[in-house]
Amino acid sequence: MKKILLLIIPTFLIFSSCKKEVTKVQQVDQAYSAVYTIQPGDWKTNNNGLSYTAELNVPELDNIIYQNGAVLVYLSFTGTTYYEALPEVFDGISYGAIHSPGYVGIDISDVSGQAINPPGQTISAKVVLIDATALALHKDVNLNDLGAVQKTFNIH
């Protein structure tokens, strides 16, 4: 009986000293997207058709994203089932995007510098905004220390 008791007591002590820890997982959305429709009449030129620009009003593109984040632009043409990332050259036409706070401009031009016609079809433009914290603001953080990175950037 003493032997059984000696076996049960350590087992009880082992399991009674276990501590249940609950980790709270907090999801932080740091990427945002929206799809815009560009109609054929939305393309404007100021150089006699050497290039065209479609302007998108993107009020969510604030100074914080402009200074520290990223803006990605994708196009999908009528009749396709996919988006293509910009910049891109397709059939001799160069597609690119520029941005500033509140604004994304999609530019097209002929790679040989010739005048072109604006697109005659509806185009979908997906704009993805990625928020970020500038690493330069935290030069003292050891990026090889996970705990220090989590604490500095409030990652739970």
N, C-alpha and C. Protein backbone atom coordinates (compact mmCIF):
# COMPACT_ATOMS: atom_id res chain seq x y z
N MET A 1 0.81 -1.18 0.00
CA MET A 1 0.00 0.00 0.00
C MET A 1 0.86 1.25 0.00
N LYS A 2 1.98 1.18 0.77
CA LYS A 2 2.87 2.33 0.80
C LYS A 2 3.48 2.58 -0.57
N LYS A 3 3.77 1.49 -1.30
CA LYS A 3 4.35 1.64 -2.63
C LYS A 3 3.38 2.32 -3.58
N ILE A 4 2.13 1.96 -3.51
CA ILE A 4 1.11 2.57 -4.37
C ILE A 4 0.95 4.05 -4.03
N LEU A 5 0.96 4.35 -2.73
CA LEU A 5 0.84 5.73 -2.29
C LEU A 5 2.04 6.55 -2.75
N LEU A 6 3.22 5.97 -2.69
CA LEU A 6 4.43 6.66 -3.15
C LEU A 6 4.39 6.92 -4.66
N LEU A 7 3.74 6.08 -5.40
CA LEU A 7 3.60 6.29 -6.84
C LEU A 7 2.52 7.33 -7.16
N ILE A 8 1.47 7.38 -6.42
CA ILE A 8 0.35 8.29 -6.68
C ILE A 8 0.69 9.73 -6.29
N ILE A 9 1.37 9.92 -5.18
CA ILE A 9 1.66 11.28 -4.69
C ILE A 9 2.51 12.06 -5.69
N PRO A 10 3.62 11.53 -6.24
CA PRO A 10 4.39 12.31 -7.22
C PRO A 10 3.57 12.63 -8.48
N THR A 11 2.75 11.69 -8.90
CA THR A 11 1.90 11.93 -10.07
C THR A 11 0.94 13.07 -9.79
N PHE A 12 0.34 13.07 -8.62
CA PHE A 12 -0.58 14.13 -8.24
C PHE A 12 0.13 15.48 -8.20
N LEU A 13 1.34 15.50 -7.65
CA LEU A 13 2.10 16.75 -7.57
C LEU A 13 2.48 17.27 -8.96
N ILE A 14 2.83 16.37 -9.85
CA ILE A 14 3.21 16.77 -11.20
C ILE A 14 2.02 17.44 -11.90
N PHE A 15 0.86 16.79 -11.84
CA PHE A 15 -0.30 17.32 -12.56
C PHE A 15 -0.92 18.52 -11.86
N SER A 16 -0.79 18.61 -10.55
CA SER A 16 -1.37 19.74 -9.84
C SER A 16 -0.53 21.00 -10.02
N SER A 17 0.74 20.84 -10.41
CA SER A 17 1.58 22.01 -10.59
C SER A 17 1.54 22.55 -12.02
N CYS A 18 0.82 21.88 -12.90
CA CYS A 18 0.68 22.37 -14.27
C CYS A 18 -0.18 23.61 -14.28
N LYS A 19 0.21 24.56 -15.05
CA LYS A 19 -0.52 25.81 -15.14
C LYS A 19 -1.01 25.99 -16.56
N LYS A 20 -2.26 26.26 -16.70
CA LYS A 20 -2.83 26.48 -18.03
C LYS A 20 -2.65 27.95 -18.39
N GLU A 21 -2.00 28.19 -19.52
CA GLU A 21 -1.81 29.56 -20.00
C GLU A 21 -2.65 29.77 -21.25
N VAL A 22 -3.33 30.89 -21.28
CA VAL A 22 -4.15 31.23 -22.44
C VAL A 22 -3.48 32.38 -23.16
N THR A 23 -3.24 32.20 -24.43
CA THR A 23 -2.65 33.25 -25.24
C THR A 23 -3.75 33.90 -26.05
N LYS A 24 -3.83 35.19 -25.94
CA LYS A 24 -4.83 35.93 -26.71
C LYS A 24 -4.24 36.25 -28.08
N VAL A 25 -4.96 35.87 -29.12
CA VAL A 25 -4.53 36.15 -30.49
C VAL A 25 -5.34 37.33 -30.98
N GLN A 26 -4.64 38.37 -31.38
CA GLN A 26 -5.30 39.56 -31.87
C GLN A 26 -4.98 39.71 -33.35
N GLN A 27 -6.02 39.76 -34.17
CA GLN A 27 -5.83 39.92 -35.61
C GLN A 27 -5.83 41.40 -35.94
N VAL A 28 -4.82 41.82 -36.67
CA VAL A 28 -4.70 43.22 -37.08
C VAL A 28 -4.67 43.24 -38.61
N ASP A 29 -5.69 43.84 -39.21
CA ASP A 29 -5.70 43.96 -40.66
C ASP A 29 -4.77 45.10 -41.06
N GLN A 30 -3.77 44.78 -41.83
CA GLN A 30 -2.83 45.80 -42.27
C GLN A 30 -2.83 45.95 -43.78
N ALA A 31 -3.69 45.25 -44.47
CA ALA A 31 -3.81 45.39 -45.91
C ALA A 31 -5.28 45.61 -46.25
N TYR A 32 -5.52 46.51 -47.16
CA TYR A 32 -6.87 46.88 -47.56
C TYR A 32 -6.93 46.88 -49.07
N SER A 33 -8.08 46.54 -49.63
CA SER A 33 -8.19 46.57 -51.09
C SER A 33 -9.56 47.03 -51.52
N ALA A 34 -9.61 47.55 -52.73
CA ALA A 34 -10.87 47.97 -53.34
C ALA A 34 -10.71 47.81 -54.85
N VAL A 35 -11.83 47.53 -55.51
CA VAL A 35 -11.83 47.39 -56.97
C VAL A 35 -12.57 48.58 -57.55
N TYR A 36 -11.93 49.23 -58.52
CA TYR A 36 -12.47 50.40 -59.20
C TYR A 36 -12.76 50.03 -60.65
N THR A 37 -13.77 50.65 -61.21
CA THR A 37 -14.10 50.42 -62.62
C THR A 37 -13.65 51.64 -63.43
N ILE A 38 -12.83 51.39 -64.44
CA ILE A 38 -12.36 52.45 -65.32
C ILE A 38 -13.13 52.32 -66.64
N GLN A 39 -13.91 53.33 -66.94
CA GLN A 39 -14.68 53.35 -68.18
C GLN A 39 -13.81 53.92 -69.31
N PRO A 40 -14.13 53.62 -70.57
CA PRO A 40 -13.34 54.15 -71.69
C PRO A 40 -13.19 55.68 -71.67
N GLY A 41 -14.20 56.39 -71.22
CA GLY A 41 -14.14 57.86 -71.18
C GLY A 41 -13.32 58.43 -70.03
N ASP A 42 -12.84 57.58 -69.13
CA ASP A 42 -12.06 58.04 -67.97
C ASP A 42 -10.60 58.33 -68.30
N TRP A 43 -10.12 57.92 -69.47
CA TRP A 43 -8.71 58.10 -69.84
C TRP A 43 -8.51 59.51 -70.37
N LYS A 44 -7.52 60.23 -69.84
CA LYS A 44 -7.22 61.60 -70.25
C LYS A 44 -5.78 61.68 -70.74
N THR A 45 -5.56 62.56 -71.71
CA THR A 45 -4.20 62.79 -72.22
C THR A 45 -3.90 64.28 -72.17
N ASN A 46 -2.65 64.61 -71.97
CA ASN A 46 -2.22 66.01 -72.04
C ASN A 46 -1.02 66.15 -72.98
N ASN A 47 -0.80 65.12 -73.81
CA ASN A 47 0.34 65.16 -74.73
C ASN A 47 -0.03 64.58 -76.10
N ASN A 48 -1.23 64.91 -76.54
CA ASN A 48 -1.72 64.49 -77.87
C ASN A 48 -1.72 62.99 -78.07
N GLY A 49 -2.05 62.24 -77.07
CA GLY A 49 -2.21 60.80 -77.20
C GLY A 49 -0.94 59.98 -77.05
N LEU A 50 0.16 60.59 -76.63
CA LEU A 50 1.38 59.80 -76.39
C LEU A 50 1.23 58.94 -75.14
N SER A 51 0.42 59.41 -74.20
CA SER A 51 0.11 58.62 -73.01
C SER A 51 -1.26 59.04 -72.49
N TYR A 52 -1.86 58.14 -71.72
CA TYR A 52 -3.17 58.40 -71.11
C TYR A 52 -3.10 58.04 -69.64
N THR A 53 -3.91 58.73 -68.85
CA THR A 53 -3.99 58.46 -67.41
C THR A 53 -5.45 58.36 -66.99
N ALA A 54 -5.74 57.36 -66.19
CA ALA A 54 -7.04 57.24 -65.52
C ALA A 54 -6.78 57.53 -64.05
N GLU A 55 -7.52 58.48 -63.49
CA GLU A 55 -7.31 58.89 -62.11
C GLU A 55 -8.34 58.23 -61.20
N LEU A 56 -7.85 57.67 -60.09
CA LEU A 56 -8.72 57.03 -59.11
C LEU A 56 -8.65 57.81 -57.81
N ASN A 57 -9.81 58.15 -57.27
CA ASN A 57 -9.89 58.80 -55.98
C ASN A 57 -9.84 57.72 -54.91
N VAL A 58 -8.76 57.71 -54.12
CA VAL A 58 -8.57 56.68 -53.09
C VAL A 58 -8.32 57.40 -51.76
N PRO A 59 -9.39 57.85 -51.10
CA PRO A 59 -9.19 58.62 -49.86
C PRO A 59 -8.54 57.82 -48.73
N GLU A 60 -8.61 56.49 -48.79
CA GLU A 60 -7.99 55.65 -47.75
C GLU A 60 -6.46 55.68 -47.84
N LEU A 61 -5.93 56.12 -48.96
CA LEU A 61 -4.48 56.23 -49.12
C LEU A 61 -4.05 57.51 -48.39
N ASP A 62 -3.77 57.37 -47.11
CA ASP A 62 -3.42 58.53 -46.30
C ASP A 62 -1.91 58.74 -46.25
N ASN A 63 -1.48 59.76 -45.53
CA ASN A 63 -0.05 60.07 -45.43
C ASN A 63 0.75 58.96 -44.78
N ILE A 64 0.15 58.25 -43.84
CA ILE A 64 0.87 57.17 -43.16
C ILE A 64 1.19 56.05 -44.16
N ILE A 65 0.20 55.63 -44.94
CA ILE A 65 0.45 54.60 -45.95
C ILE A 65 1.39 55.14 -47.03
N TYR A 66 1.18 56.39 -47.43
CA TYR A 66 2.04 56.98 -48.46
C TYR A 66 3.51 57.01 -48.02
N GLN A 67 3.75 57.39 -46.78
CA GLN A 67 5.13 57.53 -46.30
C GLN A 67 5.78 56.19 -45.95
N ASN A 68 5.01 55.26 -45.37
CA ASN A 68 5.62 54.04 -44.83
C ASN A 68 5.09 52.74 -45.40
N GLY A 69 3.95 52.78 -46.07
CA GLY A 69 3.33 51.56 -46.56
C GLY A 69 3.62 51.30 -48.02
N ALA A 70 2.69 50.62 -48.66
CA ALA A 70 2.86 50.28 -50.07
C ALA A 70 1.51 50.33 -50.77
N VAL A 71 1.55 50.61 -52.06
CA VAL A 71 0.36 50.62 -52.90
C VAL A 71 0.63 49.68 -54.07
N LEU A 72 -0.22 48.68 -54.22
CA LEU A 72 -0.11 47.73 -55.32
C LEU A 72 -1.33 47.91 -56.21
N VAL A 73 -1.12 47.84 -57.53
CA VAL A 73 -2.23 48.02 -58.47
C VAL A 73 -2.23 46.86 -59.46
N TYR A 74 -3.43 46.34 -59.70
CA TYR A 74 -3.63 45.23 -60.63
C TYR A 74 -4.75 45.61 -61.59
N LEU A 75 -4.66 45.16 -62.84
CA LEU A 75 -5.70 45.43 -63.82
C LEU A 75 -6.31 44.12 -64.33
N SER A 76 -7.60 44.18 -64.60
CA SER A 76 -8.31 43.07 -65.22
C SER A 76 -9.13 43.64 -66.37
N PHE A 77 -8.92 43.11 -67.56
CA PHE A 77 -9.60 43.60 -68.74
C PHE A 77 -10.87 42.81 -68.99
N THR A 78 -11.84 43.44 -69.65
CA THR A 78 -13.10 42.78 -69.98
C THR A 78 -12.81 41.48 -70.72
N GLY A 79 -13.51 40.42 -70.30
CA GLY A 79 -13.33 39.12 -70.95
C GLY A 79 -12.26 38.26 -70.33
N THR A 80 -11.55 38.78 -69.31
CA THR A 80 -10.54 37.96 -68.63
C THR A 80 -11.05 37.62 -67.23
N THR A 81 -10.44 36.62 -66.64
CA THR A 81 -10.83 36.20 -65.29
C THR A 81 -9.65 36.31 -64.32
N TYR A 82 -8.72 37.19 -64.60
CA TYR A 82 -7.54 37.34 -63.76
C TYR A 82 -7.11 38.81 -63.71
N TYR A 83 -6.29 39.14 -62.73
CA TYR A 83 -5.69 40.47 -62.59
C TYR A 83 -4.21 40.37 -62.92
N GLU A 84 -3.69 41.42 -63.54
CA GLU A 84 -2.27 41.49 -63.86
C GLU A 84 -1.64 42.62 -63.06
N ALA A 85 -0.50 42.35 -62.44
CA ALA A 85 0.18 43.33 -61.60
C ALA A 85 0.86 44.39 -62.45
N LEU A 86 0.82 45.64 -61.98
CA LEU A 86 1.53 46.72 -62.64
C LEU A 86 2.85 46.96 -61.92
N PRO A 87 3.89 47.39 -62.62
CA PRO A 87 3.95 47.74 -64.04
C PRO A 87 4.01 46.50 -64.92
N GLU A 88 3.63 46.71 -66.18
CA GLU A 88 3.62 45.61 -67.13
C GLU A 88 3.66 46.18 -68.54
N VAL A 89 4.22 45.41 -69.45
CA VAL A 89 4.17 45.74 -70.88
C VAL A 89 3.44 44.60 -71.57
N PHE A 90 2.41 44.96 -72.34
CA PHE A 90 1.63 43.95 -73.06
C PHE A 90 1.30 44.48 -74.44
N ASP A 91 1.63 43.72 -75.47
CA ASP A 91 1.40 44.12 -76.87
C ASP A 91 1.96 45.51 -77.17
N GLY A 92 3.13 45.80 -76.65
CA GLY A 92 3.79 47.07 -76.94
C GLY A 92 3.26 48.25 -76.15
N ILE A 93 2.33 48.02 -75.24
CA ILE A 93 1.78 49.09 -74.41
C ILE A 93 2.29 48.91 -72.98
N SER A 94 2.82 50.00 -72.43
CA SER A 94 3.33 49.99 -71.07
C SER A 94 2.23 50.48 -70.12
N TYR A 95 1.99 49.71 -69.06
CA TYR A 95 1.01 50.05 -68.03
C TYR A 95 1.75 50.29 -66.73
N GLY A 96 1.45 51.39 -66.08
CA GLY A 96 2.10 51.70 -64.81
C GLY A 96 1.14 52.42 -63.88
N ALA A 97 1.58 52.62 -62.65
CA ALA A 97 0.75 53.32 -61.67
C ALA A 97 1.62 54.26 -60.86
N ILE A 98 1.06 55.41 -60.54
CA ILE A 98 1.69 56.37 -59.63
C ILE A 98 0.67 56.67 -58.53
N HIS A 99 1.15 57.13 -57.40
CA HIS A 99 0.22 57.45 -56.32
C HIS A 99 0.74 58.57 -55.44
N SER A 100 -0.20 59.19 -54.77
CA SER A 100 0.06 60.20 -53.75
C SER A 100 -1.12 60.10 -52.78
N PRO A 101 -1.08 60.80 -51.66
CA PRO A 101 -2.20 60.68 -50.73
C PRO A 101 -3.54 60.97 -51.42
N GLY A 102 -4.46 60.03 -51.28
CA GLY A 102 -5.80 60.18 -51.84
C GLY A 102 -5.93 59.91 -53.32
N TYR A 103 -4.84 59.49 -53.97
CA TYR A 103 -4.85 59.41 -55.43
C TYR A 103 -4.04 58.22 -55.94
N VAL A 104 -4.57 57.55 -56.95
CA VAL A 104 -3.80 56.56 -57.72
C VAL A 104 -4.07 56.86 -59.18
N GLY A 105 -3.00 57.01 -59.94
CA GLY A 105 -3.11 57.23 -61.37
C GLY A 105 -2.58 56.03 -62.13
N ILE A 106 -3.33 55.58 -63.12
CA ILE A 106 -2.89 54.46 -63.95
C ILE A 106 -2.55 55.04 -65.31
N ASP A 107 -1.31 54.82 -65.73
CA ASP A 107 -0.79 55.39 -66.98
C ASP A 107 -0.60 54.31 -68.03
N ILE A 108 -0.85 54.68 -69.28
CA ILE A 108 -0.54 53.79 -70.40
C ILE A 108 0.17 54.59 -71.47
N SER A 109 1.09 53.93 -72.14
CA SER A 109 1.80 54.57 -73.26
C SER A 109 2.41 53.49 -74.15
N ASP A 110 2.70 53.87 -75.37
CA ASP A 110 3.34 52.96 -76.31
C ASP A 110 4.83 52.90 -75.97
N VAL A 111 5.42 51.71 -75.94
CA VAL A 111 6.84 51.59 -75.58
C VAL A 111 7.76 52.25 -76.60
N SER A 112 7.28 52.42 -77.83
CA SER A 112 8.12 53.06 -78.85
C SER A 112 7.90 54.56 -78.92
N GLY A 113 7.02 55.09 -78.08
CA GLY A 113 6.81 56.53 -78.03
C GLY A 113 5.78 57.05 -79.03
N GLN A 114 5.09 56.17 -79.69
CA GLN A 114 4.07 56.57 -80.67
C GLN A 114 2.76 56.91 -79.97
N ALA A 115 1.94 57.71 -80.64
CA ALA A 115 0.61 58.03 -80.11
C ALA A 115 -0.25 56.77 -80.11
N ILE A 116 -1.11 56.66 -79.12
CA ILE A 116 -2.00 55.50 -79.00
C ILE A 116 -3.43 55.97 -78.78
N ASN A 117 -4.36 55.06 -78.89
CA ASN A 117 -5.74 55.32 -78.54
C ASN A 117 -5.97 54.80 -77.13
N PRO A 118 -6.84 55.46 -76.37
CA PRO A 118 -7.12 54.95 -75.02
C PRO A 118 -7.89 53.64 -75.12
N PRO A 119 -7.89 52.85 -74.06
CA PRO A 119 -8.64 51.60 -74.08
C PRO A 119 -10.13 51.86 -74.37
N GLY A 120 -10.71 51.03 -75.21
CA GLY A 120 -12.11 51.16 -75.58
C GLY A 120 -13.01 50.22 -74.80
N GLN A 121 -12.50 49.62 -73.74
CA GLN A 121 -13.27 48.68 -72.95
C GLN A 121 -13.21 49.06 -71.47
N THR A 122 -14.12 48.52 -70.71
CA THR A 122 -14.11 48.72 -69.27
C THR A 122 -12.98 47.89 -68.67
N ILE A 123 -12.26 48.49 -67.72
CA ILE A 123 -11.15 47.82 -67.06
C ILE A 123 -11.38 47.89 -65.55
N SER A 124 -11.14 46.80 -64.87
CA SER A 124 -11.21 46.78 -63.40
C SER A 124 -9.80 47.00 -62.86
N ALA A 125 -9.70 47.89 -61.89
CA ALA A 125 -8.41 48.16 -61.24
C ALA A 125 -8.53 47.80 -59.77
N LYS A 126 -7.73 46.86 -59.33
CA LYS A 126 -7.70 46.49 -57.91
C LYS A 126 -6.53 47.25 -57.27
N VAL A 127 -6.85 48.02 -56.24
CA VAL A 127 -5.83 48.78 -55.52
C VAL A 127 -5.70 48.17 -54.14
N VAL A 128 -4.49 47.78 -53.77
CA VAL A 128 -4.22 47.19 -52.47
C VAL A 128 -3.32 48.14 -51.70
N LEU A 129 -3.78 48.54 -50.52
CA LEU A 129 -3.02 49.43 -49.65
C LEU A 129 -2.46 48.60 -48.50
N ILE A 130 -1.18 48.71 -48.26
CA ILE A 130 -0.54 47.97 -47.17
C ILE A 130 0.02 48.97 -46.18
N ASP A 131 -0.52 48.92 -44.97
CA ASP A 131 -0.06 49.80 -43.90
C ASP A 131 1.23 49.22 -43.33
N ALA A 132 2.10 50.07 -42.85
CA ALA A 132 3.36 49.58 -42.28
C ALA A 132 3.92 50.61 -41.32
N THR A 133 4.78 50.14 -40.44
CA THR A 133 5.50 51.01 -39.53
C THR A 133 6.93 51.09 -40.03
N ALA A 134 7.42 52.29 -40.12
CA ALA A 134 8.78 52.48 -40.63
C ALA A 134 9.79 51.90 -39.65
N LEU A 135 10.65 51.04 -40.13
CA LEU A 135 11.68 50.44 -39.28
C LEU A 135 12.69 51.48 -38.81
N ALA A 136 12.89 52.53 -39.58
CA ALA A 136 13.85 53.56 -39.21
C ALA A 136 13.48 54.24 -37.89
N LEU A 137 12.21 54.20 -37.52
CA LEU A 137 11.78 54.79 -36.26
C LEU A 137 12.20 53.94 -35.06
N HIS A 138 12.61 52.72 -35.32
CA HIS A 138 12.95 51.79 -34.25
C HIS A 138 14.34 51.20 -34.49
N LYS A 139 15.31 52.06 -34.67
CA LYS A 139 16.67 51.60 -34.98
C LYS A 139 17.28 50.78 -33.84
N ASP A 140 16.79 50.99 -32.62
CA ASP A 140 17.35 50.30 -31.47
C ASP A 140 16.78 48.90 -31.27
N VAL A 141 15.83 48.49 -32.11
CA VAL A 141 15.20 47.17 -31.96
C VAL A 141 16.09 46.11 -32.61
N ASN A 142 16.36 45.06 -31.88
CA ASN A 142 17.12 43.93 -32.41
C ASN A 142 16.14 43.07 -33.20
N LEU A 143 16.20 43.13 -34.52
CA LEU A 143 15.27 42.40 -35.36
C LEU A 143 15.48 40.89 -35.29
N ASN A 144 16.54 40.44 -34.65
CA ASN A 144 16.78 39.01 -34.46
C ASN A 144 16.19 38.51 -33.15
N ASP A 145 15.59 39.41 -32.36
CA ASP A 145 14.98 39.06 -31.07
C ASP A 145 13.47 39.17 -31.21
N LEU A 146 12.80 38.02 -31.35
CA LEU A 146 11.35 38.00 -31.56
C LEU A 146 10.60 38.74 -30.47
N GLY A 147 10.99 38.56 -29.24
CA GLY A 147 10.32 39.24 -28.11
C GLY A 147 10.42 40.76 -28.23
N ALA A 148 11.59 41.26 -28.59
CA ALA A 148 11.77 42.70 -28.73
C ALA A 148 10.95 43.26 -29.88
N VAL A 149 10.87 42.51 -30.97
CA VAL A 149 10.08 42.94 -32.12
C VAL A 149 8.60 42.96 -31.76
N GLN A 150 8.11 41.91 -31.09
CA GLN A 150 6.72 41.86 -30.69
C GLN A 150 6.35 43.00 -29.75
N LYS A 151 7.22 43.29 -28.81
CA LYS A 151 6.95 44.36 -27.85
C LYS A 151 6.95 45.73 -28.55
N THR A 152 7.93 45.98 -29.39
CA THR A 152 8.05 47.27 -30.06
C THR A 152 6.89 47.55 -31.01
N PHE A 153 6.48 46.53 -31.76
CA PHE A 153 5.44 46.73 -32.77
C PHE A 153 4.07 46.28 -32.28
N ASN A 154 3.95 46.04 -30.97
CA ASN A 154 2.68 45.68 -30.35
C ASN A 154 2.02 44.49 -31.03
N ILE A 155 2.80 43.44 -31.24
CA ILE A 155 2.30 42.21 -31.86
C ILE A 155 2.02 41.21 -30.75
N HIS A 156 0.79 40.71 -30.73
CA HIS A 156 0.40 39.76 -29.67
C HIS A 156 0.31 38.38 -30.24
